[in-house]
N, C-alpha and C. Protein backbone atom coordinates (compact mmCIF):
# COMPACT_ATOMS: atom_id res chain seq x y z
N MET A 1 -1.59 -3.88 11.77
CA MET A 1 -0.28 -3.99 12.23
C MET A 1 0.11 -4.41 13.28
N ASN A 2 1.05 -5.06 13.00
CA ASN A 2 1.59 -6.01 13.77
C ASN A 2 3.35 -5.83 14.54
N ILE A 3 3.59 -4.58 14.99
CA ILE A 3 4.62 -4.40 15.80
C ILE A 3 4.82 -4.42 16.84
N THR A 4 6.19 -4.79 17.70
CA THR A 4 6.67 -5.02 18.71
C THR A 4 7.55 -4.16 18.78
N LEU A 5 8.04 -3.69 20.15
CA LEU A 5 9.30 -2.86 20.51
C LEU A 5 9.96 -3.37 21.44
N GLU A 6 11.20 -3.22 21.84
CA GLU A 6 11.67 -4.17 22.62
C GLU A 6 11.61 -3.01 24.25
N LYS A 7 11.67 -2.92 25.51
CA LYS A 7 11.45 -1.64 26.25
C LYS A 7 12.91 -0.71 25.87
N GLN A 8 14.02 -0.83 25.34
CA GLN A 8 14.72 0.08 24.90
C GLN A 8 14.58 1.15 24.14
N GLU A 9 13.61 0.28 23.12
CA GLU A 9 13.06 1.01 21.66
C GLU A 9 12.07 1.79 22.11
N ALA A 10 11.40 1.55 23.02
CA ALA A 10 10.38 2.20 23.52
C ALA A 10 10.83 3.23 24.66
N ILE A 11 11.90 3.48 25.21
CA ILE A 11 12.40 4.69 25.85
C ILE A 11 12.58 5.47 25.36
N LEU A 12 13.82 4.84 24.18
CA LEU A 12 13.96 5.51 22.61
C LEU A 12 13.08 6.71 22.20
N LEU A 13 12.16 5.49 21.89
CA LEU A 13 10.58 6.27 21.09
C LEU A 13 10.14 7.22 21.94
N PHE A 14 10.19 7.47 23.61
CA PHE A 14 9.64 8.63 24.26
C PHE A 14 11.20 9.80 24.42
N LEU A 15 11.80 9.32 24.10
CA LEU A 15 12.84 10.04 24.92
C LEU A 15 13.08 11.04 23.43
N TYR A 16 12.74 10.78 22.06
CA TYR A 16 12.99 11.67 20.88
C TYR A 16 11.83 11.95 20.18
N CYS A 17 10.29 11.36 20.65
CA CYS A 17 8.99 11.44 19.95
C CYS A 17 8.40 12.79 20.08
N GLY A 18 8.36 13.43 18.77
CA GLY A 18 8.03 14.62 18.10
C GLY A 18 6.45 14.46 18.18
N ASP A 19 5.64 15.68 17.36
CA ASP A 19 4.40 15.73 17.60
C ASP A 19 3.69 14.87 16.64
N ASN A 20 4.71 14.34 15.68
CA ASN A 20 4.34 13.17 14.54
C ASN A 20 5.22 12.48 14.65
N ARG A 21 4.79 11.18 13.33
CA ARG A 21 5.68 10.20 13.00
C ARG A 21 6.75 10.90 12.39
N SER A 22 6.52 11.54 11.26
CA SER A 22 7.96 12.10 10.42
C SER A 22 8.55 13.44 11.37
N GLU A 23 8.28 14.14 12.33
CA GLU A 23 9.27 14.61 13.33
C GLU A 23 10.00 13.57 13.74
N THR A 24 9.20 12.30 14.21
CA THR A 24 10.26 11.71 15.50
C THR A 24 11.29 11.12 14.87
N ILE A 25 11.27 10.73 13.35
CA ILE A 25 11.92 9.81 12.66
C ILE A 25 13.54 10.96 12.53
N ARG A 26 12.75 12.12 11.89
CA ARG A 26 13.82 13.72 12.41
C ARG A 26 14.68 13.42 13.86
N ASN A 27 13.67 14.02 14.69
CA ASN A 27 14.80 13.86 15.72
C ASN A 27 15.66 12.11 16.41
N LEU A 28 15.31 11.55 15.49
CA LEU A 28 16.03 9.98 15.77
C LEU A 28 17.36 10.30 14.63
N ARG A 29 17.42 10.99 13.85
CA ARG A 29 18.39 11.19 12.81
C ARG A 29 19.31 12.26 13.27
N GLU A 30 18.84 13.31 14.03
CA GLU A 30 19.57 14.43 14.32
C GLU A 30 20.30 13.78 15.72
N MET A 31 19.84 12.80 16.53
CA MET A 31 20.43 12.18 17.14
C MET A 31 21.34 11.18 17.00
N GLN A 32 21.40 10.36 15.71
CA GLN A 32 22.27 9.57 15.68
C GLN A 32 23.55 10.44 14.77
N THR A 33 23.40 11.82 14.52
CA THR A 33 24.40 12.03 14.25
C THR A 33 25.80 13.00 15.35
N HIS A 34 25.28 12.74 15.99
CA HIS A 34 25.90 12.84 17.99
C HIS A 34 27.05 11.78 18.34
N LEU A 35 26.51 10.81 17.37
CA LEU A 35 26.64 9.70 18.31
C LEU A 35 28.38 9.48 17.97
N HIS A 36 28.90 8.57 19.00
CA HIS A 36 30.24 8.56 18.74
C HIS A 36 30.37 6.84 18.28
N ALA A 37 31.64 6.82 17.62
CA ALA A 37 31.95 5.68 17.00
C ALA A 37 31.62 4.33 17.64
N ASP A 38 31.90 4.79 19.05
CA ASP A 38 31.46 3.52 20.31
C ASP A 38 30.06 3.06 20.62
N GLU A 39 29.27 3.97 19.83
CA GLU A 39 27.90 4.11 20.41
C GLU A 39 27.22 3.05 19.09
N GLN A 40 27.80 2.27 18.76
CA GLN A 40 27.16 1.69 17.69
C GLN A 40 25.81 0.56 18.21
N ASP A 41 25.59 0.09 19.32
CA ASP A 41 24.54 -0.39 19.90
C ASP A 41 23.30 0.52 19.46
N LEU A 42 23.69 1.78 20.22
CA LEU A 42 22.57 2.94 20.16
C LEU A 42 21.97 3.00 19.11
N ARG A 43 22.90 3.06 17.42
CA ARG A 43 23.35 3.19 16.24
C ARG A 43 22.17 2.30 15.73
N GLN A 44 22.16 1.04 16.01
CA GLN A 44 21.28 0.24 15.27
C GLN A 44 20.34 0.28 16.14
N MET A 45 19.58 0.41 17.10
CA MET A 45 18.56 0.32 17.80
C MET A 45 17.78 1.89 17.28
N ALA A 46 18.47 2.61 17.11
CA ALA A 46 18.10 3.54 16.05
C ALA A 46 17.44 3.45 14.87
N ASP A 47 18.43 2.80 14.46
CA ASP A 47 17.80 2.18 12.93
C ASP A 47 16.25 1.78 12.69
N SER A 48 16.86 0.32 13.40
CA SER A 48 15.62 -0.11 13.69
C SER A 48 14.20 0.34 14.09
N LEU A 49 13.59 1.41 15.09
CA LEU A 49 13.09 1.81 15.17
C LEU A 49 13.01 3.15 14.16
N ILE A 50 13.57 3.65 13.50
CA ILE A 50 13.17 4.36 12.65
C ILE A 50 12.52 3.43 11.21
N GLY A 51 13.53 2.11 11.46
CA GLY A 51 12.86 1.21 10.09
C GLY A 51 10.92 1.16 10.64
N THR A 52 11.16 1.09 11.81
CA THR A 52 9.39 0.58 12.47
C THR A 52 8.53 1.63 11.76
N LEU A 53 8.98 2.82 12.11
CA LEU A 53 8.14 3.78 12.34
C LEU A 53 7.82 4.59 10.58
N GLN A 54 9.06 4.22 9.66
CA GLN A 54 8.88 4.46 8.29
C GLN A 54 7.72 3.10 8.27
N GLU A 55 7.67 2.20 8.65
CA GLU A 55 6.83 1.07 7.73
C GLU A 55 5.44 1.30 7.73
N ILE A 56 4.70 2.12 9.38
CA ILE A 56 3.89 2.64 9.54
C ILE A 56 3.22 3.74 9.06
N ARG A 57 2.04 3.96 8.79
CA ARG A 57 1.16 4.77 8.34
C ARG A 57 1.33 5.81 9.73
N ASP A 58 1.04 7.23 9.53
CA ASP A 58 0.89 8.49 10.86
C ASP A 58 -0.13 8.09 11.54
N LYS A 59 -1.44 7.76 10.66
CA LYS A 59 -2.62 7.75 11.52
C LYS A 59 -2.43 6.99 12.40
N ASP A 60 -1.37 5.51 12.17
CA ASP A 60 -0.87 4.56 13.26
C ASP A 60 0.01 4.76 13.99
N PHE A 61 0.30 5.72 14.04
CA PHE A 61 1.76 6.59 15.38
C PHE A 61 1.37 6.67 16.55
N ALA A 62 -0.44 6.70 16.83
CA ALA A 62 -0.80 6.90 18.11
C ALA A 62 -0.91 5.43 18.76
N ALA A 63 -0.71 4.73 18.33
CA ALA A 63 -0.85 3.34 18.49
C ALA A 63 0.55 2.78 18.77
N VAL A 64 1.13 3.29 18.13
CA VAL A 64 2.71 2.67 18.09
C VAL A 64 3.14 3.32 19.96
N LEU A 65 2.74 4.60 19.79
CA LEU A 65 3.22 5.13 20.72
C LEU A 65 1.99 4.46 22.42
N ALA A 66 0.83 3.99 22.21
CA ALA A 66 0.19 3.44 23.39
C ALA A 66 1.48 1.85 23.27
N LEU A 67 1.27 1.02 22.25
CA LEU A 67 2.19 -0.15 22.89
C LEU A 67 3.81 0.61 23.28
N ALA A 68 3.92 1.71 23.03
CA ALA A 68 5.72 1.58 23.22
C ALA A 68 5.03 1.73 25.20
N ASP A 69 4.47 2.11 25.35
CA ASP A 69 3.87 2.80 26.92
C ASP A 69 3.48 1.24 27.65
N ASP A 70 3.08 0.66 27.02
CA ASP A 70 2.82 -0.98 27.82
C ASP A 70 4.08 -1.26 27.96
N ALA A 71 4.98 -1.79 26.83
CA ALA A 71 6.69 -1.48 26.57
C ALA A 71 7.23 -1.12 28.25
N VAL A 72 7.05 -0.26 28.46
CA VAL A 72 7.97 0.43 29.93
C VAL A 72 7.32 0.26 30.41
């Protein structure tokens, strides 16, 4: 697993983190439904984070959280 997270992505992960990877993805997608048209940067960051989470396995989710913790 070779994943890097920007500081802002790590913060986003902590804000919308669920009990597991799938729930976290659902939380991020739900958040995106509430964004306004002028919040494209946040939408793109969430899309990037969702893509990262979709690439990993459930068992690697804890490692990504630890990586995010180091980034913040």
